[in-house]
Amino acid sequence: MVNIMSNYRFSSQSGRLEQYTVKRPQEVLLVNVIVEGQEDEIMIFKGYSSSLMRPTAFDPDVPVLPDGAEIVTIARLKAPYNPSSPQYIQQNLTWEAMQPLLAQVGV
């Protein structure tokens, strides 16, 4: 998993989502995205991101969710995540619908 906590990433989508999970450690985010025309699913927990569909770079300077990626949906789940029995808090959130939740925690 990659933790992108530097200030230049904080304002990016991935940086903001990672910060959200730092401030809400009882939640896991499952983010469906399109990166360079390819679908991907990214899990974010306690400030760490990992792709569930493609290799995740070991280098923390390589973002899992690059700038310009299209966020299709975001799901909020209760931690710990159990893939055989996920406990959803909210599903099918858009990036825009996630904004008030990000604002609530100050990111």
PDB file of N, CA and C in Angstrom:
ATOM      1  N   MET A   1       0.836  -1.179   0.000  1.00  0.00           N
ATOM      2  CA  MET A   1       0.000   0.000   0.000  1.00  0.00           C
ATOM      3  C   MET A   1       0.881   1.242   0.000  1.00  0.00           C
ATOM      4  N   VAL A   2       0.360   2.309  -0.547  1.00  0.00           N
ATOM      5  CA  VAL A   2       1.113   3.542  -0.671  1.00  0.00           C
ATOM      6  C   VAL A   2       0.452   4.611   0.175  1.00  0.00           C
ATOM      7  N   ASN A   3       1.236   5.333   0.961  1.00  0.00           N
ATOM      8  CA  ASN A   3       0.729   6.425   1.775  1.00  0.00           C
ATOM      9  C   ASN A   3       1.253   7.723   1.186  1.00  0.00           C
ATOM     10  N   ILE A   4       0.357   8.565   0.704  1.00  0.00           N
ATOM     11  CA  ILE A   4       0.753   9.827   0.077  1.00  0.00           C
ATOM     12  C   ILE A   4       0.319  10.952   1.012  1.00  0.00           C
ATOM     13  N   MET A   5       1.224  11.407   1.866  1.00  0.00           N
ATOM     14  CA  MET A   5       0.860  12.377   2.878  1.00  0.00           C
ATOM     15  C   MET A   5       1.544  13.724   2.682  1.00  0.00           C
ATOM     16  N   SER A   6       2.385  13.863   1.653  1.00  0.00           N
ATOM     17  CA  SER A   6       3.105  15.125   1.495  1.00  0.00           C
ATOM     18  C   SER A   6       2.143  16.243   1.113  1.00  0.00           C
ATOM     19  N   ASN A   7       2.513  17.467   1.410  1.00  0.00           N
ATOM     20  CA  ASN A   7       1.635  18.610   1.208  1.00  0.00           C
ATOM     21  C   ASN A   7       1.219  18.800  -0.239  1.00  0.00           C
ATOM     22  N   TYR A   8       2.084  18.507  -1.192  1.00  0.00           N
ATOM     23  CA  TYR A   8       1.712  18.741  -2.581  1.00  0.00           C
ATOM     24  C   TYR A   8       0.622  17.777  -3.030  1.00  0.00           C
ATOM     25  N   ARG A   9       0.411  16.660  -2.337  1.00  0.00           N
ATOM     26  CA  ARG A   9      -0.627  15.698  -2.693  1.00  0.00           C
ATOM     27  C   ARG A   9      -1.913  15.942  -1.903  1.00  0.00           C
ATOM     28  N   PHE A  10      -1.843  16.740  -0.847  1.00  0.00           N
ATOM     29  CA  PHE A  10      -2.999  16.906   0.030  1.00  0.00           C
ATOM     30  C   PHE A  10      -4.209  17.448  -0.709  1.00  0.00           C
ATOM     31  N   SER A  11      -4.013  18.323  -1.673  1.00  0.00           N
ATOM     32  CA  SER A  11      -5.139  18.917  -2.376  1.00  0.00           C
ATOM     33  C   SER A  11      -5.651  18.029  -3.510  1.00  0.00           C
ATOM     34  N   SER A  12      -4.935  16.978  -3.863  1.00  0.00           N
ATOM     35  CA  SER A  12      -5.388  16.089  -4.919  1.00  0.00           C
ATOM     36  C   SER A  12      -6.532  15.219  -4.422  1.00  0.00           C
ATOM     37  N   GLN A  13      -7.225  14.583  -5.352  1.00  0.00           N
ATOM     38  CA  GLN A  13      -8.321  13.695  -4.964  1.00  0.00           C
ATOM     39  C   GLN A  13      -7.815  12.579  -4.057  1.00  0.00           C
ATOM     40  N   SER A  14      -6.744  11.924  -4.462  1.00  0.00           N
ATOM     41  CA  SER A  14      -6.251  10.803  -3.655  1.00  0.00           C
ATOM     42  C   SER A  14      -5.774  11.281  -2.290  1.00  0.00           C
ATOM     43  N   GLY A  15      -5.088  12.412  -2.250  1.00  0.00           N
ATOM     44  CA  GLY A  15      -4.610  12.940  -0.977  1.00  0.00           C
ATOM     45  C   GLY A  15      -5.753  13.280  -0.038  1.00  0.00           C
ATOM     46  N   ARG A  16      -6.802  13.847  -0.570  1.00  0.00           N
ATOM     47  CA  ARG A  16      -7.957  14.202   0.260  1.00  0.00           C
ATOM     48  C   ARG A  16      -8.677  12.957   0.757  1.00  0.00           C
ATOM     49  N   LEU A  17      -8.828  11.955  -0.107  1.00  0.00           N
ATOM     50  CA  LEU A  17      -9.484  10.715   0.317  1.00  0.00           C
ATOM     51  C   LEU A  17      -8.645   9.984   1.355  1.00  0.00           C
ATOM     52  N   GLU A  18      -7.329   9.992   1.169  1.00  0.00           N
ATOM     53  CA  GLU A  18      -6.447   9.356   2.151  1.00  0.00           C
ATOM     54  C   GLU A  18      -6.532  10.069   3.499  1.00  0.00           C
ATOM     55  N   GLN A  19      -6.529  11.398   3.484  1.00  0.00           N
ATOM     56  CA  GLN A  19      -6.650  12.158   4.723  1.00  0.00           C
ATOM     57  C   GLN A  19      -7.996  11.890   5.402  1.00  0.00           C
ATOM     58  N   TYR A  20      -9.040  11.745   4.616  1.00  0.00           N
ATOM     59  CA  TYR A  20     -10.359  11.416   5.168  1.00  0.00           C
ATOM     60  C   TYR A  20     -10.285  10.124   5.977  1.00  0.00           C
ATOM     61  N   THR A  21      -9.616   9.106   5.422  1.00  0.00           N
ATOM     62  CA  THR A  21      -9.546   7.821   6.130  1.00  0.00           C
ATOM     63  C   THR A  21      -8.622   7.879   7.337  1.00  0.00           C
ATOM     64  N   VAL A  22      -7.678   8.804   7.353  1.00  0.00           N
ATOM     65  CA  VAL A  22      -6.862   9.007   8.546  1.00  0.00           C
ATOM     66  C   VAL A  22      -7.747   9.557   9.665  1.00  0.00           C
ATOM     67  N   LYS A  23      -8.618  10.493   9.293  1.00  0.00           N
ATOM     68  CA  LYS A  23      -9.482  11.128  10.285  1.00  0.00           C
ATOM     69  C   LYS A  23     -10.706  10.284  10.631  1.00  0.00           C
ATOM     70  N   ARG A  24     -11.018   9.320   9.780  1.00  0.00           N
ATOM     71  CA  ARG A  24     -12.132   8.392  10.032  1.00  0.00           C
ATOM     72  C   ARG A  24     -11.609   6.954   9.923  1.00  0.00           C
ATOM     73  N   PRO A  25     -10.784   6.524  10.880  1.00  0.00           N
ATOM     74  CA  PRO A  25     -10.151   5.201  10.784  1.00  0.00           C
ATOM     75  C   PRO A  25     -11.129   4.039  10.888  1.00  0.00           C
ATOM     76  N   GLN A  26     -12.362   4.313  11.251  1.00  0.00           N
ATOM     77  CA  GLN A  26     -13.368   3.263  11.310  1.00  0.00           C
ATOM     78  C   GLN A  26     -14.000   3.007   9.941  1.00  0.00           C
ATOM     79  N   GLU A  27     -13.530   3.736   8.912  1.00  0.00           N
ATOM     80  CA  GLU A  27     -14.073   3.596   7.568  1.00  0.00           C
ATOM     81  C   GLU A  27     -13.005   3.159   6.568  1.00  0.00           C
ATOM     82  N   VAL A  28     -13.475   2.445   5.564  1.00  0.00           N
ATOM     83  CA  VAL A  28     -12.674   2.071   4.404  1.00  0.00           C
ATOM     84  C   VAL A  28     -13.387   2.676   3.197  1.00  0.00           C
ATOM     85  N   LEU A  29     -12.616   3.234   2.268  1.00  0.00           N
ATOM     86  CA  LEU A  29     -13.202   3.722   1.022  1.00  0.00           C
ATOM     87  C   LEU A  29     -12.846   2.761  -0.099  1.00  0.00           C
ATOM     88  N   LEU A  30     -13.830   2.418  -0.896  1.00  0.00           N
ATOM     89  CA  LEU A  30     -13.630   1.604  -2.084  1.00  0.00           C
ATOM     90  C   LEU A  30     -13.990   2.491  -3.271  1.00  0.00           C
ATOM     91  N   VAL A  31     -12.985   2.844  -4.062  1.00  0.00           N
ATOM     92  CA  VAL A  31     -13.144   3.846  -5.108  1.00  0.00           C
ATOM     93  C   VAL A  31     -13.014   3.185  -6.474  1.00  0.00           C
ATOM     94  N   ASN A  32     -14.059   3.293  -7.281  1.00  0.00           N
ATOM     95  CA  ASN A  32     -14.024   2.810  -8.658  1.00  0.00           C
ATOM     96  C   ASN A  32     -13.638   3.974  -9.549  1.00  0.00           C
ATOM     97  N   VAL A  33     -12.591   3.773 -10.356  1.00  0.00           N
ATOM     98  CA  VAL A  33     -12.049   4.847 -11.177  1.00  0.00           C
ATOM     99  C   VAL A  33     -11.768   4.355 -12.587  1.00  0.00           C
ATOM    100  N   ILE A  34     -11.556   5.318 -13.463  1.00  0.00           N
ATOM    101  CA  ILE A  34     -11.036   5.040 -14.795  1.00  0.00           C
ATOM    102  C   ILE A  34      -9.726   5.801 -14.920  1.00  0.00           C
ATOM    103  N   VAL A  35      -8.648   5.050 -15.163  1.00  0.00           N
ATOM    104  CA  VAL A  35      -7.307   5.615 -15.303  1.00  0.00           C
ATOM    105  C   VAL A  35      -6.814   5.267 -16.702  1.00  0.00           C
ATOM    106  N   GLU A  36      -6.607   6.294 -17.511  1.00  0.00           N
ATOM    107  CA  GLU A  36      -6.127   6.109 -18.877  1.00  0.00           C
ATOM    108  C   GLU A  36      -6.970   5.088 -19.630  1.00  0.00           C
ATOM    109  N   GLY A  37      -8.299   5.211 -19.490  1.00  0.00           N
ATOM    110  CA  GLY A  37      -9.223   4.344 -20.196  1.00  0.00           C
ATOM    111  C   GLY A  37      -9.425   2.966 -19.589  1.00  0.00           C
ATOM    112  N   GLN A  38      -8.723   2.675 -18.496  1.00  0.00           N
ATOM    113  CA  GLN A  38      -8.813   1.368 -17.842  1.00  0.00           C
ATOM    114  C   GLN A  38      -9.551   1.498 -16.512  1.00  0.00           C
ATOM    115  N   GLU A  39     -10.464   0.560 -16.245  1.00  0.00           N
ATOM    116  CA  GLU A  39     -11.142   0.546 -14.958  1.00  0.00           C
ATOM    117  C   GLU A  39     -10.183   0.064 -13.881  1.00  0.00           C
ATOM    118  N   ASP A  40     -10.355   0.604 -12.691  1.00  0.00           N
ATOM    119  CA  ASP A  40      -9.565   0.176 -11.541  1.00  0.00           C
ATOM    120  C   ASP A  40     -10.433   0.321 -10.303  1.00  0.00           C
ATOM    121  N   GLU A  41     -10.093  -0.433  -9.282  1.00  0.00           N
ATOM    122  CA  GLU A  41     -10.765  -0.346  -7.995  1.00  0.00           C
ATOM    123  C   GLU A  41      -9.674  -0.124  -6.955  1.00  0.00           C
ATOM    124  N   ILE A  42      -9.816   0.948  -6.180  1.00  0.00           N
ATOM    125  CA  ILE A  42      -8.791   1.335  -5.221  1.00  0.00           C
ATOM    126  C   ILE A  42      -9.399   1.324  -3.824  1.00  0.00           C
ATOM    127  N   MET A  43      -8.703   0.684  -2.911  1.00  0.00           N
ATOM    128  CA  MET A  43      -9.118   0.670  -1.519  1.00  0.00           C
ATOM    129  C   MET A  43      -8.246   1.648  -0.754  1.00  0.00           C
ATOM    130  N   ILE A  44      -8.876   2.457   0.101  1.00  0.00           N
ATOM    131  CA  ILE A  44      -8.155   3.432   0.911  1.00  0.00           C
ATOM    132  C   ILE A  44      -8.535   3.211   2.362  1.00  0.00           C
ATOM    133  N   PHE A  45      -7.514   3.042   3.215  1.00  0.00           N
ATOM    134  CA  PHE A  45      -7.743   2.783   4.634  1.00  0.00           C
ATOM    135  C   PHE A  45      -6.605   3.375   5.440  1.00  0.00           C
ATOM    136  N   LYS A  46      -6.959   4.182   6.437  1.00  0.00           N
ATOM    137  CA  LYS A  46      -5.993   4.820   7.339  1.00  0.00           C
ATOM    138  C   LYS A  46      -4.863   5.528   6.586  1.00  0.00           C
ATOM    139  N   GLY A  47      -5.223   6.204   5.492  1.00  0.00           N
ATOM    140  CA  GLY A  47      -4.249   6.989   4.749  1.00  0.00           C
ATOM    141  C   GLY A  47      -3.465   6.232   3.706  1.00  0.00           C
ATOM    142  N   TYR A  48      -3.764   4.965   3.508  1.00  0.00           N
ATOM    143  CA  TYR A  48      -3.036   4.144   2.539  1.00  0.00           C
ATOM    144  C   TYR A  48      -3.952   3.739   1.397  1.00  0.00           C
ATOM    145  N   SER A  49      -3.417   3.757   0.185  1.00  0.00           N
ATOM    146  CA  SER A  49      -4.164   3.379  -1.015  1.00  0.00           C
ATOM    147  C   SER A  49      -3.527   2.169  -1.655  1.00  0.00           C
ATOM    148  N   SER A  50      -4.392   1.307  -2.193  1.00  0.00           N
ATOM    149  CA  SER A  50      -3.901   0.143  -2.908  1.00  0.00           C
ATOM    150  C   SER A  50      -4.891  -0.213  -4.002  1.00  0.00           C
ATOM    151  N   SER A  51      -4.368  -0.491  -5.191  1.00  0.00           N
ATOM    152  CA  SER A  51      -5.213  -0.953  -6.284  1.00  0.00           C
ATOM    153  C   SER A  51      -5.560  -2.413  -6.055  1.00  0.00           C
ATOM    154  N   LEU A  52      -6.809  -2.749  -6.297  1.00  0.00           N
ATOM    155  CA  LEU A  52      -7.243  -4.132  -6.178  1.00  0.00           C
ATOM    156  C   LEU A  52      -7.205  -4.859  -7.514  1.00  0.00           C
ATOM    157  N   MET A  53      -6.886  -4.125  -8.599  1.00  0.00           N
ATOM    158  CA  MET A  53      -6.944  -4.716  -9.935  1.00  0.00           C
ATOM    159  C   MET A  53      -5.628  -4.680 -10.702  1.00  0.00           C
ATOM    160  N   ARG A  54      -4.685  -3.916 -10.221  1.00  0.00           N
ATOM    161  CA  ARG A  54      -3.399  -3.821 -10.909  1.00  0.00           C
ATOM    162  C   ARG A  54      -2.302  -3.622  -9.869  1.00  0.00           C
ATOM    163  N   PRO A  55      -1.050  -3.824 -10.265  1.00  0.00           N
ATOM    164  CA  PRO A  55       0.038  -3.680  -9.290  1.00  0.00           C
ATOM    165  C   PRO A  55       0.086  -2.266  -8.711  1.00  0.00           C
ATOM    166  N   THR A  56       0.398  -2.179  -7.425  1.00  0.00           N
ATOM    167  CA  THR A  56       0.581  -0.900  -6.742  1.00  0.00           C
ATOM    168  C   THR A  56       2.075  -0.663  -6.607  1.00  0.00           C
ATOM    169  N   ALA A  57       2.522   0.490  -7.073  1.00  0.00           N
ATOM    170  CA  ALA A  57       3.948   0.814  -7.023  1.00  0.00           C
ATOM    171  C   ALA A  57       4.445   0.861  -5.585  1.00  0.00           C
ATOM    172  N   PHE A  58       5.656   0.394  -5.383  1.00  0.00           N
ATOM    173  CA  PHE A  58       6.270   0.446  -4.057  1.00  0.00           C
ATOM    174  C   PHE A  58       6.702   1.864  -3.700  1.00  0.00           C
ATOM    175  N   ASP A  59       7.021   2.657  -4.728  1.00  0.00           N
ATOM    176  CA  ASP A  59       7.482   4.034  -4.541  1.00  0.00           C
ATOM    177  C   ASP A  59       6.313   4.919  -4.100  1.00  0.00           C
ATOM    178  N   PRO A  60       6.376   5.522  -2.909  1.00  0.00           N
ATOM    179  CA  PRO A  60       5.265   6.351  -2.431  1.00  0.00           C
ATOM    180  C   PRO A  60       5.046   7.619  -3.241  1.00  0.00           C
ATOM    181  N   ASP A  61       5.996   7.985  -4.103  1.00  0.00           N
ATOM    182  CA  ASP A  61       5.813   9.159  -4.953  1.00  0.00           C
ATOM    183  C   ASP A  61       4.978   8.853  -6.190  1.00  0.00           C
ATOM    184  N   VAL A  62       4.678   7.582  -6.435  1.00  0.00           N
ATOM    185  CA  VAL A  62       3.846   7.186  -7.561  1.00  0.00           C
ATOM    186  C   VAL A  62       2.420   7.018  -7.043  1.00  0.00           C
ATOM    187  N   PRO A  63       1.523   7.944  -7.409  1.00  0.00           N
ATOM    188  CA  PRO A  63       0.165   7.874  -6.859  1.00  0.00           C
ATOM    189  C   PRO A  63      -0.617   6.688  -7.414  1.00  0.00           C
ATOM    190  N   VAL A  64      -1.394   6.054  -6.544  1.00  0.00           N
ATOM    191  CA  VAL A  64      -2.277   4.973  -6.965  1.00  0.00           C
ATOM    192  C   VAL A  64      -3.429   5.550  -7.775  1.00  0.00           C
ATOM    193  N   LEU A  65      -3.904   6.707  -7.349  1.00  0.00           N
ATOM    194  CA  LEU A  65      -4.959   7.427  -8.059  1.00  0.00           C
ATOM    195  C   LEU A  65      -4.335   8.687  -8.646  1.00  0.00           C
ATOM    196  N   PRO A  66      -3.884   8.613  -9.900  1.00  0.00           N
ATOM    197  CA  PRO A  66      -3.187   9.769 -10.477  1.00  0.00           C
ATOM    198  C   PRO A  66      -4.141  10.925 -10.749  1.00  0.00           C
ATOM    199  N   ASP A  67      -3.577  12.131 -10.759  1.00  0.00           N
ATOM    200  CA  ASP A  67      -4.357  13.298 -11.143  1.00  0.00           C
ATOM    201  C   ASP A  67      -4.905  13.051 -12.545  1.00  0.00           C
ATOM    202  N   GLY A  68      -6.127  13.449 -12.769  1.00  0.00           N
ATOM    203  CA  GLY A  68      -6.753  13.239 -14.064  1.00  0.00           C
ATOM    204  C   GLY A  68      -7.563  11.958 -14.147  1.00  0.00           C
ATOM    205  N   ALA A  69      -7.449  11.099 -13.144  1.00  0.00           N
ATOM    206  CA  ALA A  69      -8.268   9.886 -13.126  1.00  0.00           C
ATOM    207  C   ALA A  69      -9.721  10.286 -12.893  1.00  0.00           C
ATOM    208  N   GLU A  70     -10.628   9.551 -13.497  1.00  0.00           N
ATOM    209  CA  GLU A  70     -12.053   9.827 -13.326  1.00  0.00           C
ATOM    210  C   GLU A  70     -12.609   8.933 -12.221  1.00  0.00           C
ATOM    211  N   ILE A  71     -13.098   9.554 -11.161  1.00  0.00           N
ATOM    212  CA  ILE A  71     -13.744   8.793 -10.092  1.00  0.00           C
ATOM    213  C   ILE A  71     -15.166   8.500 -10.539  1.00  0.00           C
ATOM    214  N   VAL A  72     -15.490   7.217 -10.632  1.00  0.00           N
ATOM    215  CA  VAL A  72     -16.823   6.798 -11.060  1.00  0.00           C
ATOM    216  C   VAL A  72     -17.747   6.727  -9.848  1.00  0.00           C
ATOM    217  N   THR A  73     -17.349   5.962  -8.835  1.00  0.00           N
ATOM    218  CA  THR A  73     -18.137   5.861  -7.607  1.00  0.00           C
ATOM    219  C   THR A  73     -17.210   5.672  -6.408  1.00  0.00           C
ATOM    220  N   ILE A  74     -17.720   6.060  -5.256  1.00  0.00           N
ATOM    221  CA  ILE A  74     -17.027   5.859  -3.985  1.00  0.00           C
ATOM    222  C   ILE A  74     -18.002   5.156  -3.047  1.00  0.00           C
ATOM    223  N   ALA A  75     -17.511   4.126  -2.382  1.00  0.00           N
ATOM    224  CA  ALA A  75     -18.305   3.446  -1.357  1.00  0.00           C
ATOM    225  C   ALA A  75     -17.608   3.616  -0.019  1.00  0.00           C
ATOM    226  N   ARG A  76     -18.402   3.886   1.004  1.00  0.00           N
ATOM    227  CA  ARG A  76     -17.904   3.959   2.375  1.00  0.00           C
ATOM    228  C   ARG A  76     -18.301   2.664   3.066  1.00  0.00           C
ATOM    229  N   LEU A  77     -17.314   2.000   3.677  1.00  0.00           N
ATOM    230  CA  LEU A  77     -17.563   0.742   4.363  1.00  0.00           C
ATOM    231  C   LEU A  77     -17.041   0.806   5.784  1.00  0.00           C
ATOM    232  N   LYS A  78     -17.604  -0.039   6.640  1.00  0.00           N
ATOM    233  CA  LYS A  78     -17.099  -0.153   8.004  1.00  0.00           C
ATOM    234  C   LYS A  78     -15.810  -0.947   7.995  1.00  0.00           C
ATOM    235  N   ALA A  79     -14.855  -0.485   8.786  1.00  0.00           N
ATOM    236  CA  ALA A  79     -13.599  -1.214   8.959  1.00  0.00           C
ATOM    237  C   ALA A  79     -13.781  -2.177  10.132  1.00  0.00           C
ATOM    238  N   PRO A  80     -13.111  -3.289  10.133  1.00  0.00           N
ATOM    239  CA  PRO A  80     -12.215  -3.788   9.085  1.00  0.00           C
ATOM    240  C   PRO A  80     -13.006  -4.330   7.898  1.00  0.00           C
ATOM    241  N   TYR A  81     -12.402  -4.236   6.726  1.00  0.00           N
ATOM    242  CA  TYR A  81     -13.031  -4.677   5.489  1.00  0.00           C
ATOM    243  C   TYR A  81     -12.959  -6.191   5.372  1.00  0.00           C
ATOM    244  N   ASN A  82     -14.097  -6.793   5.114  1.00  0.00           N
ATOM    245  CA  ASN A  82     -14.172  -8.230   4.876  1.00  0.00           C
ATOM    246  C   ASN A  82     -14.789  -8.418   3.494  1.00  0.00           C
ATOM    247  N   PRO A  83     -13.998  -8.819   2.494  1.00  0.00           N
ATOM    248  CA  PRO A  83     -14.527  -8.909   1.133  1.00  0.00           C
ATOM    249  C   PRO A  83     -15.681  -9.903   0.981  1.00  0.00           C
ATOM    250  N   SER A  84     -15.756 -10.905   1.847  1.00  0.00           N
ATOM    251  CA  SER A  84     -16.853 -11.865   1.736  1.00  0.00           C
ATOM    252  C   SER A  84     -18.133 -11.362   2.399  1.00  0.00           C
ATOM    253  N   SER A  85     -18.017 -10.321   3.216  1.00  0.00           N
ATOM    254  CA  SER A  85     -19.188  -9.767   3.892  1.00  0.00           C
ATOM    255  C   SER A  85     -18.995  -8.269   4.152  1.00  0.00           C
ATOM    256  N   PRO A  86     -18.934  -7.456   3.087  1.00  0.00           N
ATOM    257  CA  PRO A  86     -18.702  -6.017   3.283  1.00  0.00           C
ATOM    258  C   PRO A  86     -19.892  -5.357   3.971  1.00  0.00           C
ATOM    259  N   GLN A  87     -19.579  -4.420   4.860  1.00  0.00           N
ATOM    260  CA  GLN A  87     -20.610  -3.674   5.583  1.00  0.00           C
ATOM    261  C   GLN A  87     -20.611  -2.236   5.067  1.00  0.00           C
ATOM    262  N   TYR A  88     -21.520  -1.957   4.154  1.00  0.00           N
ATOM    263  CA  TYR A  88     -21.578  -0.644   3.524  1.00  0.00           C
ATOM    264  C   TYR A  88     -22.246   0.382   4.422  1.00  0.00           C
ATOM    265  N   ILE A  89     -21.644   1.567   4.471  1.00  0.00           N
ATOM    266  CA  ILE A  89     -22.248   2.731   5.121  1.00  0.00           C
ATOM    267  C   ILE A  89     -23.023   3.506   4.062  1.00  0.00           C
ATOM    268  N   GLN A  90     -22.369   3.740   2.907  1.00  0.00           N
ATOM    269  CA  GLN A  90     -22.973   4.411   1.752  1.00  0.00           C
ATOM    270  C   GLN A  90     -22.339   3.844   0.499  1.00  0.00           C
ATOM    271  N   GLN A  91     -23.131   3.772  -0.579  1.00  0.00           N
ATOM    272  CA  GLN A  91     -22.618   3.290  -1.853  1.00  0.00           C
ATOM    273  C   GLN A  91     -22.935   4.293  -2.954  1.00  0.00           C
ATOM    274  N   ASN A  92     -22.221   4.153  -4.060  1.00  0.00           N
ATOM    275  CA  ASN A  92     -22.470   4.923  -5.283  1.00  0.00           C
ATOM    276  C   ASN A  92     -22.381   6.430  -5.094  1.00  0.00           C
ATOM    277  N   LEU A  93     -21.474   6.872  -4.210  1.00  0.00           N
ATOM    278  CA  LEU A  93     -21.235   8.302  -4.062  1.00  0.00           C
ATOM    279  C   LEU A  93     -20.410   8.803  -5.242  1.00  0.00           C
ATOM    280  N   THR A  94     -20.713   9.982  -5.712  1.00  0.00           N
ATOM    281  CA  THR A  94     -19.879  10.643  -6.712  1.00  0.00           C
ATOM    282  C   THR A  94     -18.818  11.463  -5.984  1.00  0.00           C
ATOM    283  N   TRP A  95     -17.843  11.951  -6.727  1.00  0.00           N
ATOM    284  CA  TRP A  95     -16.834  12.840  -6.143  1.00  0.00           C
ATOM    285  C   TRP A  95     -17.519  14.073  -5.546  1.00  0.00           C
ATOM    286  N   GLU A  96     -18.508  14.602  -6.267  1.00  0.00           N
ATOM    287  CA  GLU A  96     -19.227  15.781  -5.780  1.00  0.00           C
ATOM    288  C   GLU A  96     -19.987  15.468  -4.489  1.00  0.00           C
ATOM    289  N   ALA A  97     -20.610  14.298  -4.411  1.00  0.00           N
ATOM    290  CA  ALA A  97     -21.357  13.914  -3.209  1.00  0.00           C
ATOM    291  C   ALA A  97     -20.439  13.661  -2.019  1.00  0.00           C
ATOM    292  N   MET A  98     -19.166  13.391  -2.281  1.00  0.00           N
ATOM    293  CA  MET A  98     -18.199  13.139  -1.219  1.00  0.00           C
ATOM    294  C   MET A  98     -17.698  14.443  -0.595  1.00  0.00           C
ATOM    295  N   GLN A  99     -17.860  15.567  -1.288  1.00  0.00           N
ATOM    296  CA  GLN A  99     -17.321  16.843  -0.831  1.00  0.00           C
ATOM    297  C   GLN A  99     -17.787  17.247   0.572  1.00  0.00           C
ATOM    298  N   PRO A 100     -19.093  17.146   0.895  1.00  0.00           N
ATOM    299  CA  PRO A 100     -19.508  17.522   2.260  1.00  0.00           C
ATOM    300  C   PRO A 100     -18.878  16.635   3.337  1.00  0.00           C
ATOM    301  N   LEU A 101     -18.663  15.369   3.049  1.00  0.00           N
ATOM    302  CA  LEU A 101     -18.030  14.470   4.008  1.00  0.00           C
ATOM    303  C   LEU A 101     -16.563  14.835   4.223  1.00  0.00           C
ATOM    304  N   LEU A 102     -15.898  15.209   3.136  1.00  0.00           N
ATOM    305  CA  LEU A 102     -14.513  15.663   3.245  1.00  0.00           C
ATOM    306  C   LEU A 102     -14.436  16.948   4.061  1.00  0.00           C
ATOM    307  N   ALA A 103     -15.390  17.846   3.806  1.00  0.00           N
ATOM    308  CA  ALA A 103     -15.421  19.123   4.538  1.00  0.00           C
ATOM    309  C   ALA A 103     -15.675  18.904   6.032  1.00  0.00           C
ATOM    310  N   GLN A 104     -16.495  17.915   6.380  1.00  0.00           N
ATOM    311  CA  GLN A 104     -16.789  17.640   7.781  1.00  0.00           C
ATOM    312  C   GLN A 104     -15.538  17.321   8.581  1.00  0.00           C
ATOM    313  N   VAL A 105     -14.556  16.673   7.935  1.00  0.00           N
ATOM    314  CA  VAL A 105     -13.318  16.308   8.635  1.00  0.00           C
ATOM    315  C   VAL A 105     -12.177  17.275   8.319  1.00  0.00           C
ATOM    316  N   GLY A 106     -12.480  18.324   7.541  1.00  0.00           N
ATOM    317  CA  GLY A 106     -11.490  19.368   7.291  1.00  0.00           C
ATOM    318  C   GLY A 106     -10.464  19.052   6.227  1.00  0.00           C
ATOM    319  N   VAL A 107     -10.841  18.252   5.235  1.00  0.00           N
ATOM    320  CA  VAL A 107      -9.904  17.982   4.124  1.00  0.00           C
ATOM    321  C   VAL A 107     -10.520  18.353   2.791  1.00  0.00           C
TER     322      VAL A 107
END
